[in-house]
């Protein structure tokens, strides 16, 4: 029986879906997502932007895209900014073993 290897596109989809699931689970665990969908959000944006975002994160519905995007924004830990802010905080003589 031949062994089927995942294509790059299948791997990208699996990784995106796993990341999406983890973000939404974290948002639920801190109370940002629940059973009640009690707010409607409306705005005009380029359709190409919506389609590119859906394609990148492998989602199909506008609601799913909005929940995922807003959850990512709400949970953002500013790691990049904090990392850059630490530049120069480790003495030059420290052996990092690199």
PDB file of N, CA and C in Angstrom:
ATOM      1  N   UNK A   1       0.854  -1.163   0.000  1.00  0.00           N
ATOM      2  CA  UNK A   1       0.000   0.000   0.000  1.00  0.00           C
ATOM      3  C   UNK A   1       0.906   1.234   0.000  1.00  0.00           C
ATOM      4  N   UNK A   2       0.665   2.176  -0.932  1.00  0.00           N
ATOM      5  CA  UNK A   2       1.520   3.362  -1.000  1.00  0.00           C
ATOM      6  C   UNK A   2       1.279   4.294   0.189  1.00  0.00           C
ATOM      7  N   UNK A   3       2.344   4.907   0.638  1.00  0.00           N
ATOM      8  CA  UNK A   3       2.254   5.873   1.723  1.00  0.00           C
ATOM      9  C   UNK A   3       1.972   7.232   1.108  1.00  0.00           C
ATOM     10  N   UNK A   4       0.932   7.876   1.592  1.00  0.00           N
ATOM     11  CA  UNK A   4       0.540   9.191   1.066  1.00  0.00           C
ATOM     12  C   UNK A   4       1.184  10.271   1.919  1.00  0.00           C
ATOM     13  N   UNK A   5       1.915  11.137   1.266  1.00  0.00           N
ATOM     14  CA  UNK A   5       2.505  12.250   2.003  1.00  0.00           C
ATOM     15  C   UNK A   5       1.649  13.485   1.784  1.00  0.00           C
ATOM     16  N   UNK A   6       1.570  14.287   2.809  1.00  0.00           N
ATOM     17  CA  UNK A   6       0.760  15.502   2.737  1.00  0.00           C
ATOM     18  C   UNK A   6       1.454  16.524   1.853  1.00  0.00           C
ATOM     19  N   UNK A   7       0.669  17.194   1.050  1.00  0.00           N
ATOM     20  CA  UNK A   7       1.217  18.264   0.227  1.00  0.00           C
ATOM     21  C   UNK A   7       1.416  19.496   1.097  1.00  0.00           C
ATOM     22  N   UNK A   8       2.168  20.449   0.559  1.00  0.00           N
ATOM     23  CA  UNK A   8       2.397  21.696   1.284  1.00  0.00           C
ATOM     24  C   UNK A   8       1.071  22.396   1.580  1.00  0.00           C
ATOM     25  N   UNK A   9       0.150  22.366   0.623  1.00  0.00           N
ATOM     26  CA  UNK A   9      -1.153  23.013   0.819  1.00  0.00           C
ATOM     27  C   UNK A   9      -1.944  22.332   1.932  1.00  0.00           C
ATOM     28  N   UNK A  10      -1.888  21.000   1.994  1.00  0.00           N
ATOM     29  CA  UNK A  10      -2.576  20.272   3.058  1.00  0.00           C
ATOM     30  C   UNK A  10      -1.953  20.590   4.410  1.00  0.00           C
ATOM     31  N   UNK A  11      -0.621  20.675   4.452  1.00  0.00           N
ATOM     32  CA  UNK A  11       0.056  21.028   5.706  1.00  0.00           C
ATOM     33  C   UNK A  11      -0.320  22.430   6.148  1.00  0.00           C
ATOM     34  N   UNK A  12      -0.336  23.389   5.207  1.00  0.00           N
ATOM     35  CA  UNK A  12      -0.718  24.762   5.534  1.00  0.00           C
ATOM     36  C   UNK A  12      -2.131  24.807   6.102  1.00  0.00           C
ATOM     37  N   UNK A  13      -3.029  24.062   5.476  1.00  0.00           N
ATOM     38  CA  UNK A  13      -4.418  24.047   5.934  1.00  0.00           C
ATOM     39  C   UNK A  13      -4.520  23.461   7.333  1.00  0.00           C
ATOM     40  N   UNK A  14      -3.829  22.356   7.570  1.00  0.00           N
ATOM     41  CA  UNK A  14      -3.859  21.703   8.880  1.00  0.00           C
ATOM     42  C   UNK A  14      -3.281  22.623   9.955  1.00  0.00           C
ATOM     43  N   UNK A  15      -2.183  23.282   9.647  1.00  0.00           N
ATOM     44  CA  UNK A  15      -1.556  24.195  10.604  1.00  0.00           C
ATOM     45  C   UNK A  15      -2.478  25.370  10.898  1.00  0.00           C
ATOM     46  N   UNK A  16      -3.077  25.950   9.853  1.00  0.00           N
ATOM     47  CA  UNK A  16      -3.991  27.083  10.047  1.00  0.00           C
ATOM     48  C   UNK A  16      -5.195  26.673  10.877  1.00  0.00           C
ATOM     49  N   UNK A  17      -5.775  25.524  10.582  1.00  0.00           N
ATOM     50  CA  UNK A  17      -6.950  25.076  11.321  1.00  0.00           C
ATOM     51  C   UNK A  17      -6.619  24.777  12.777  1.00  0.00           C
ATOM     52  N   UNK A  18      -5.449  24.233  13.038  1.00  0.00           N
ATOM     53  CA  UNK A  18      -5.031  23.978  14.416  1.00  0.00           C
ATOM     54  C   UNK A  18      -4.840  25.301  15.154  1.00  0.00           C
ATOM     55  N   UNK A  19      -4.174  26.249  14.509  1.00  0.00           N
ATOM     56  CA  UNK A  19      -3.985  27.564  15.112  1.00  0.00           C
ATOM     57  C   UNK A  19      -5.308  28.254  15.385  1.00  0.00           C
ATOM     58  N   UNK A  20      -6.218  28.169  14.418  1.00  0.00           N
ATOM     59  CA  UNK A  20      -7.544  28.772  14.589  1.00  0.00           C
ATOM     60  C   UNK A  20      -8.262  28.169  15.788  1.00  0.00           C
ATOM     61  N   UNK A  21      -8.222  26.851  15.879  1.00  0.00           N
ATOM     62  CA  UNK A  21      -8.894  26.158  16.980  1.00  0.00           C
ATOM     63  C   UNK A  21      -8.312  26.593  18.319  1.00  0.00           C
ATOM     64  N   UNK A  22      -6.988  26.689  18.392  1.00  0.00           N
ATOM     65  CA  UNK A  22      -6.349  27.082  19.647  1.00  0.00           C
ATOM     66  C   UNK A  22      -6.699  28.517  20.038  1.00  0.00           C
ATOM     67  N   UNK A  23      -6.725  29.422  19.067  1.00  0.00           N
ATOM     68  CA  UNK A  23      -7.081  30.815  19.358  1.00  0.00           C
ATOM     69  C   UNK A  23      -8.506  30.893  19.871  1.00  0.00           C
ATOM     70  N   UNK A  24      -9.427  30.209  19.197  1.00  0.00           N
ATOM     71  CA  UNK A  24     -10.830  30.253  19.611  1.00  0.00           C
ATOM     72  C   UNK A  24     -11.037  29.583  20.970  1.00  0.00           C
ATOM     73  N   UNK A  25     -10.299  28.499  21.234  1.00  0.00           N
ATOM     74  CA  UNK A  25     -10.387  27.854  22.552  1.00  0.00           C
ATOM     75  C   UNK A  25      -9.884  28.795  23.644  1.00  0.00           C
ATOM     76  N   UNK A  26      -8.795  29.501  23.365  1.00  0.00           N
ATOM     77  CA  UNK A  26      -8.263  30.437  24.358  1.00  0.00           C
ATOM     78  C   UNK A  26      -9.250  31.583  24.587  1.00  0.00           C
ATOM     79  N   UNK A  27      -9.841  32.091  23.509  1.00  0.00           N
ATOM     80  CA  UNK A  27     -10.829  33.168  23.642  1.00  0.00           C
ATOM     81  C   UNK A  27     -12.020  32.700  24.470  1.00  0.00           C
ATOM     82  N   UNK A  28     -12.458  31.463  24.259  1.00  0.00           N
ATOM     83  CA  UNK A  28     -13.563  30.908  25.058  1.00  0.00           C
ATOM     84  C   UNK A  28     -13.155  30.784  26.523  1.00  0.00           C
ATOM     85  N   UNK A  29     -11.931  30.331  26.756  1.00  0.00           N
ATOM     86  CA  UNK A  29     -11.502  30.080  28.135  1.00  0.00           C
ATOM     87  C   UNK A  29     -11.391  31.352  28.963  1.00  0.00           C
ATOM     88  N   UNK A  30     -11.192  32.496  28.305  1.00  0.00           N
ATOM     89  CA  UNK A  30     -11.129  33.755  29.064  1.00  0.00           C
ATOM     90  C   UNK A  30     -12.440  34.528  28.975  1.00  0.00           C
ATOM     91  N   UNK A  31     -13.464  33.885  28.426  1.00  0.00           N
ATOM     92  CA  UNK A  31     -14.792  34.479  28.415  1.00  0.00           C
ATOM     93  C   UNK A  31     -15.096  35.428  27.268  1.00  0.00           C
ATOM     94  N   UNK A  32     -14.246  35.438  26.239  1.00  0.00           N
ATOM     95  CA  UNK A  32     -14.499  36.336  25.106  1.00  0.00           C
ATOM     96  C   UNK A  32     -15.516  35.766  24.125  1.00  0.00           C
ATOM     97  N   UNK A  33     -15.614  34.465  24.061  1.00  0.00           N
ATOM     98  CA  UNK A  33     -16.581  33.802  23.181  1.00  0.00           C
ATOM     99  C   UNK A  33     -17.498  32.938  24.027  1.00  0.00           C
ATOM    100  N   UNK A  34     -18.743  32.962  23.712  1.00  0.00           N
ATOM    101  CA  UNK A  34     -19.707  32.139  24.423  1.00  0.00           C
ATOM    102  C   UNK A  34     -20.868  31.800  23.520  1.00  0.00           C
ATOM    103  N   UNK A  35     -21.913  31.320  24.109  1.00  0.00           N
ATOM    104  CA  UNK A  35     -23.081  30.905  23.332  1.00  0.00           C
ATOM    105  C   UNK A  35     -23.832  32.091  22.732  1.00  0.00           C
ATOM    106  N   UNK A  36     -23.848  33.209  23.444  1.00  0.00           N
ATOM    107  CA  UNK A  36     -24.623  34.363  22.975  1.00  0.00           C
ATOM    108  C   UNK A  36     -23.866  35.149  21.915  1.00  0.00           C
ATOM    109  N   UNK A  37     -24.501  35.312  20.786  1.00  0.00           N
ATOM    110  CA  UNK A  37     -23.984  36.193  19.739  1.00  0.00           C
ATOM    111  C   UNK A  37     -24.947  37.362  19.705  1.00  0.00           C
ATOM    112  N   UNK A  38     -24.619  38.393  20.484  1.00  0.00           N
ATOM    113  CA  UNK A  38     -25.578  39.459  20.727  1.00  0.00           C
ATOM    114  C   UNK A  38     -25.196  40.811  20.125  1.00  0.00           C
ATOM    115  N   UNK A  39     -24.165  40.845  19.282  1.00  0.00           N
ATOM    116  CA  UNK A  39     -23.766  42.097  18.652  1.00  0.00           C
ATOM    117  C   UNK A  39     -23.561  41.876  17.164  1.00  0.00           C
ATOM    118  N   UNK A  40     -24.055  42.816  16.406  1.00  0.00           N
ATOM    119  CA  UNK A  40     -23.864  42.757  14.958  1.00  0.00           C
ATOM    120  C   UNK A  40     -22.802  43.777  14.586  1.00  0.00           C
ATOM    121  N   UNK A  41     -21.861  43.374  13.749  1.00  0.00           N
ATOM    122  CA  UNK A  41     -20.779  44.233  13.296  1.00  0.00           C
ATOM    123  C   UNK A  41     -20.933  44.436  11.804  1.00  0.00           C
ATOM    124  N   UNK A  42     -20.853  45.665  11.381  1.00  0.00           N
ATOM    125  CA  UNK A  42     -21.042  45.953   9.967  1.00  0.00           C
ATOM    126  C   UNK A  42     -19.997  46.952   9.508  1.00  0.00           C
ATOM    127  N   UNK A  43     -19.537  46.792   8.322  1.00  0.00           N
ATOM    128  CA  UNK A  43     -18.571  47.718   7.747  1.00  0.00           C
ATOM    129  C   UNK A  43     -18.345  47.375   6.286  1.00  0.00           C
ATOM    130  N   UNK A  44     -17.742  48.291   5.577  1.00  0.00           N
ATOM    131  CA  UNK A  44     -17.454  48.073   4.170  1.00  0.00           C
ATOM    132  C   UNK A  44     -15.956  47.921   4.009  1.00  0.00           C
ATOM    133  N   UNK A  45     -15.558  46.786   3.481  1.00  0.00           N
ATOM    134  CA  UNK A  45     -14.145  46.508   3.238  1.00  0.00           C
ATOM    135  C   UNK A  45     -14.005  45.880   1.851  1.00  0.00           C
ATOM    136  N   UNK A  46     -12.821  45.962   1.276  1.00  0.00           N
ATOM    137  CA  UNK A  46     -12.623  45.355  -0.048  1.00  0.00           C
ATOM    138  C   UNK A  46     -12.845  43.842  -0.018  1.00  0.00           C
ATOM    139  N   UNK A  47     -13.563  43.343  -0.987  1.00  0.00           N
ATOM    140  CA  UNK A  47     -13.841  41.902  -1.042  1.00  0.00           C
ATOM    141  C   UNK A  47     -12.556  41.100  -1.199  1.00  0.00           C
ATOM    142  N   UNK A  48     -11.555  41.664  -1.872  1.00  0.00           N
ATOM    143  CA  UNK A  48     -10.283  40.954  -2.020  1.00  0.00           C
ATOM    144  C   UNK A  48      -9.620  40.725  -0.661  1.00  0.00           C
ATOM    145  N   UNK A  49      -9.771  41.685   0.241  1.00  0.00           N
ATOM    146  CA  UNK A  49      -9.212  41.544   1.590  1.00  0.00           C
ATOM    147  C   UNK A  49      -9.885  40.396   2.331  1.00  0.00           C
ATOM    148  N   UNK A  50     -11.201  40.348   2.241  1.00  0.00           N
ATOM    149  CA  UNK A  50     -11.958  39.280   2.907  1.00  0.00           C
ATOM    150  C   UNK A  50     -11.564  37.916   2.346  1.00  0.00           C
ATOM    151  N   UNK A  51     -11.538  37.813   1.039  1.00  0.00           N
ATOM    152  CA  UNK A  51     -11.208  36.527   0.407  1.00  0.00           C
ATOM    153  C   UNK A  51      -9.784  36.089   0.725  1.00  0.00           C
ATOM    154  N   UNK A  52      -8.838  37.032   0.734  1.00  0.00           N
ATOM    155  CA  UNK A  52      -7.447  36.691   1.069  1.00  0.00           C
ATOM    156  C   UNK A  52      -7.338  36.203   2.510  1.00  0.00           C
ATOM    157  N   UNK A  53      -8.042  36.864   3.428  1.00  0.00           N
ATOM    158  CA  UNK A  53      -8.008  36.453   4.832  1.00  0.00           C
ATOM    159  C   UNK A  53      -8.640  35.078   5.008  1.00  0.00           C
ATOM    160  N   UNK A  54      -9.765  34.843   4.352  1.00  0.00           N
ATOM    161  CA  UNK A  54     -10.421  33.535   4.439  1.00  0.00           C
ATOM    162  C   UNK A  54      -9.506  32.444   3.886  1.00  0.00           C
ATOM    163  N   UNK A  55      -8.854  32.746   2.772  1.00  0.00           N
ATOM    164  CA  UNK A  55      -7.973  31.766   2.147  1.00  0.00           C
ATOM    165  C   UNK A  55      -6.776  31.474   3.058  1.00  0.00           C
ATOM    166  N   UNK A  56      -6.186  32.518   3.612  1.00  0.00           N
ATOM    167  CA  UNK A  56      -4.998  32.345   4.453  1.00  0.00           C
ATOM    168  C   UNK A  56      -5.298  31.535   5.701  1.00  0.00           C
ATOM    169  N   UNK A  57      -6.448  31.789   6.321  1.00  0.00           N
ATOM    170  CA  UNK A  57      -6.782  31.108   7.571  1.00  0.00           C
ATOM    171  C   UNK A  57      -7.743  29.947   7.379  1.00  0.00           C
ATOM    172  N   UNK A  58      -8.042  29.616   6.122  1.00  0.00           N
ATOM    173  CA  UNK A  58      -8.864  28.452   5.791  1.00  0.00           C
ATOM    174  C   UNK A  58     -10.208  28.474   6.510  1.00  0.00           C
ATOM    175  N   UNK A  59     -10.887  29.604   6.416  1.00  0.00           N
ATOM    176  CA  UNK A  59     -12.242  29.722   6.936  1.00  0.00           C
ATOM    177  C   UNK A  59     -13.177  30.017   5.776  1.00  0.00           C
ATOM    178  N   UNK A  60     -14.455  29.729   5.963  1.00  0.00           N
ATOM    179  CA  UNK A  60     -15.397  29.904   4.863  1.00  0.00           C
ATOM    180  C   UNK A  60     -16.441  30.978   5.117  1.00  0.00           C
ATOM    181  N   UNK A  61     -16.789  31.211   6.369  1.00  0.00           N
ATOM    182  CA  UNK A  61     -17.863  32.168   6.633  1.00  0.00           C
ATOM    183  C   UNK A  61     -17.315  33.493   7.142  1.00  0.00           C
ATOM    184  N   UNK A  62     -18.065  34.555   6.880  1.00  0.00           N
ATOM    185  CA  UNK A  62     -17.688  35.876   7.376  1.00  0.00           C
ATOM    186  C   UNK A  62     -17.681  35.901   8.901  1.00  0.00           C
ATOM    187  N   UNK A  63     -18.663  35.246   9.517  1.00  0.00           N
ATOM    188  CA  UNK A  63     -18.749  35.217  10.974  1.00  0.00           C
ATOM    189  C   UNK A  63     -17.527  34.525  11.571  1.00  0.00           C
ATOM    190  N   UNK A  64     -17.152  33.404  11.016  1.00  0.00           N
ATOM    191  CA  UNK A  64     -15.984  32.674  11.503  1.00  0.00           C
ATOM    192  C   UNK A  64     -14.722  33.542  11.358  1.00  0.00           C
ATOM    193  N   UNK A  65     -14.605  34.235  10.237  1.00  0.00           N
ATOM    194  CA  UNK A  65     -13.461  35.114  10.008  1.00  0.00           C
ATOM    195  C   UNK A  65     -13.411  36.245  11.036  1.00  0.00           C
ATOM    196  N   UNK A  66     -14.554  36.864  11.282  1.00  0.00           N
ATOM    197  CA  UNK A  66     -14.606  37.953  12.257  1.00  0.00           C
ATOM    198  C   UNK A  66     -14.277  37.471  13.670  1.00  0.00           C
ATOM    199  N   UNK A  67     -14.845  36.344  14.077  1.00  0.00           N
ATOM    200  CA  UNK A  67     -14.555  35.808  15.412  1.00  0.00           C
ATOM    201  C   UNK A  67     -13.077  35.511  15.564  1.00  0.00           C
ATOM    202  N   UNK A  68     -12.490  34.911  14.538  1.00  0.00           N
ATOM    203  CA  UNK A  68     -11.081  34.562  14.594  1.00  0.00           C
ATOM    204  C   UNK A  68     -10.215  35.824  14.625  1.00  0.00           C
ATOM    205  N   UNK A  69     -10.495  36.773  13.746  1.00  0.00           N
ATOM    206  CA  UNK A  69      -9.697  37.999  13.679  1.00  0.00           C
ATOM    207  C   UNK A  69      -9.800  38.799  14.975  1.00  0.00           C
ATOM    208  N   UNK A  70     -11.007  38.960  15.488  1.00  0.00           N
ATOM    209  CA  UNK A  70     -11.186  39.721  16.716  1.00  0.00           C
ATOM    210  C   UNK A  70     -10.575  38.998  17.916  1.00  0.00           C
ATOM    211  N   UNK A  71     -10.658  37.679  17.928  1.00  0.00           N
ATOM    212  CA  UNK A  71     -10.033  36.916  19.009  1.00  0.00           C
ATOM    213  C   UNK A  71      -8.523  37.092  18.979  1.00  0.00           C
ATOM    214  N   UNK A  72      -7.946  37.040  17.786  1.00  0.00           N
ATOM    215  CA  UNK A  72      -6.492  37.234  17.664  1.00  0.00           C
ATOM    216  C   UNK A  72      -6.093  38.621  18.153  1.00  0.00           C
ATOM    217  N   UNK A  73      -6.873  39.629  17.805  1.00  0.00           N
ATOM    218  CA  UNK A  73      -6.566  40.988  18.258  1.00  0.00           C
ATOM    219  C   UNK A  73      -6.704  41.110  19.773  1.00  0.00           C
ATOM    220  N   UNK A  74      -7.761  40.558  20.320  1.00  0.00           N
ATOM    221  CA  UNK A  74      -8.017  40.673  21.757  1.00  0.00           C
ATOM    222  C   UNK A  74      -6.983  39.908  22.587  1.00  0.00           C
ATOM    223  N   UNK A  75      -6.470  38.822  22.041  1.00  0.00           N
ATOM    224  CA  UNK A  75      -5.534  37.986  22.783  1.00  0.00           C
ATOM    225  C   UNK A  75      -4.070  38.312  22.485  1.00  0.00           C
ATOM    226  N   UNK A  76      -3.809  39.234  21.593  1.00  0.00           N
ATOM    227  CA  UNK A  76      -2.447  39.564  21.200  1.00  0.00           C
ATOM    228  C   UNK A  76      -1.614  39.904  22.424  1.00  0.00           C
ATOM    229  N   UNK A  77      -0.455  39.283  22.525  1.00  0.00           N
ATOM    230  CA  UNK A  77       0.391  39.505  23.705  1.00  0.00           C
ATOM    231  C   UNK A  77       1.521  40.498  23.450  1.00  0.00           C
ATOM    232  N   UNK A  78       1.574  41.103  22.298  1.00  0.00           N
ATOM    233  CA  UNK A  78       2.603  42.087  21.962  1.00  0.00           C
ATOM    234  C   UNK A  78       4.015  41.525  22.131  1.00  0.00           C
ATOM    235  N   UNK A  79       4.199  40.254  21.840  1.00  0.00           N
ATOM    236  CA  UNK A  79       5.499  39.618  22.007  1.00  0.00           C
ATOM    237  C   UNK A  79       6.585  40.319  21.216  1.00  0.00           C
ATOM    238  N   UNK A  80       6.300  40.647  19.968  1.00  0.00           N
ATOM    239  CA  UNK A  80       7.305  41.293  19.124  1.00  0.00           C
ATOM    240  C   UNK A  80       7.784  42.607  19.705  1.00  0.00           C
ATOM    241  N   UNK A  81       6.865  43.432  20.134  1.00  0.00           N
ATOM    242  CA  UNK A  81       7.225  44.732  20.709  1.00  0.00           C
ATOM    243  C   UNK A  81       8.018  44.551  22.002  1.00  0.00           C
ATOM    244  N   UNK A  82       7.617  43.582  22.812  1.00  0.00           N
ATOM    245  CA  UNK A  82       8.344  43.344  24.059  1.00  0.00           C
ATOM    246  C   UNK A  82       9.743  42.810  23.788  1.00  0.00           C
ATOM    247  N   UNK A  83       9.868  41.941  22.773  1.00  0.00           N
ATOM    248  CA  UNK A  83      11.177  41.395  22.416  1.00  0.00           C
ATOM    249  C   UNK A  83      12.114  42.507  21.950  1.00  0.00           C
ATOM    250  N   UNK A  84      11.636  43.350  21.059  1.00  0.00           N
ATOM    251  CA  UNK A  84      12.449  44.463  20.563  1.00  0.00           C
ATOM    252  C   UNK A  84      12.807  45.400  21.703  1.00  0.00           C
ATOM    253  N   UNK A  85      11.880  45.612  22.617  1.00  0.00           N
ATOM    254  CA  UNK A  85      12.138  46.475  23.762  1.00  0.00           C
ATOM    255  C   UNK A  85      13.226  45.962  24.683  1.00  0.00           C
ATOM    256  N   UNK A  86      13.520  44.671  24.622  1.00  0.00           N
ATOM    257  CA  UNK A  86      14.564  44.090  25.476  1.00  0.00           C
ATOM    258  C   UNK A  86      15.935  44.167  24.833  1.00  0.00           C
ATOM    259  N   UNK A  87      16.024  44.689  23.617  1.00  0.00           N
ATOM    260  CA  UNK A  87      17.302  44.773  22.907  1.00  0.00           C
ATOM    261  C   UNK A  87      18.335  45.472  23.791  1.00  0.00           C
ATOM    262  N   UNK A  88      19.473  44.820  23.908  1.00  0.00           N
ATOM    263  CA  UNK A  88      20.555  45.382  24.690  1.00  0.00           C
ATOM    264  C   UNK A  88      20.464  45.105  26.180  1.00  0.00           C
ATOM    265  N   UNK A  89      19.459  44.366  26.621  1.00  0.00           N
ATOM    266  CA  UNK A  89      19.302  44.136  28.061  1.00  0.00           C
ATOM    267  C   UNK A  89      20.129  42.957  28.573  1.00  0.00           C
ATOM    268  N   UNK A  90      20.670  42.149  27.681  1.00  0.00           N
ATOM    269  CA  UNK A  90      21.525  41.045  28.081  1.00  0.00           C
ATOM    270  C   UNK A  90      22.973  41.498  27.896  1.00  0.00           C
ATOM    271  N   UNK A  91      23.780  41.410  28.947  1.00  0.00           N
ATOM    272  CA  UNK A  91      25.168  41.857  28.831  1.00  0.00           C
ATOM    273  C   UNK A  91      25.892  41.122  27.693  1.00  0.00           C
ATOM    274  N   UNK A  92      26.755  41.813  26.995  1.00  0.00           N
ATOM    275  CA  UNK A  92      27.469  41.265  25.846  1.00  0.00           C
ATOM    276  C   UNK A  92      28.366  40.090  26.220  1.00  0.00           C
ATOM    277  N   UNK A  93      28.819  40.013  27.481  1.00  0.00           N
ATOM    278  CA  UNK A  93      29.739  38.956  27.880  1.00  0.00           C
ATOM    279  C   UNK A  93      29.047  37.651  28.306  1.00  0.00           C
ATOM    280  N   UNK A  94      27.717  37.600  28.233  1.00  0.00           N
ATOM    281  CA  UNK A  94      26.983  36.386  28.585  1.00  0.00           C
ATOM    282  C   UNK A  94      27.131  35.367  27.464  1.00  0.00           C
ATOM    283  N   UNK A  95      27.521  34.139  27.821  1.00  0.00           N
ATOM    284  CA  UNK A  95      27.667  33.062  26.853  1.00  0.00           C
ATOM    285  C   UNK A  95      26.305  32.416  26.620  1.00  0.00           C
ATOM    286  N   UNK A  96      25.745  32.642  25.453  1.00  0.00           N
ATOM    287  CA  UNK A  96      24.418  32.093  25.129  1.00  0.00           C
ATOM    288  C   UNK A  96      24.520  30.699  24.523  1.00  0.00           C
ATOM    289  N   UNK A  97      25.728  30.223  24.313  1.00  0.00           N
ATOM    290  CA  UNK A  97      25.914  28.890  23.771  1.00  0.00           C
ATOM    291  C   UNK A  97      25.487  28.759  22.329  1.00  0.00           C
ATOM    292  N   UNK A  98      25.498  29.849  21.620  1.00  0.00           N
ATOM    293  CA  UNK A  98      25.075  29.828  20.216  1.00  0.00           C
ATOM    294  C   UNK A  98      26.269  29.680  19.339  1.00  0.00           C
TER     295      UNK A  98
END
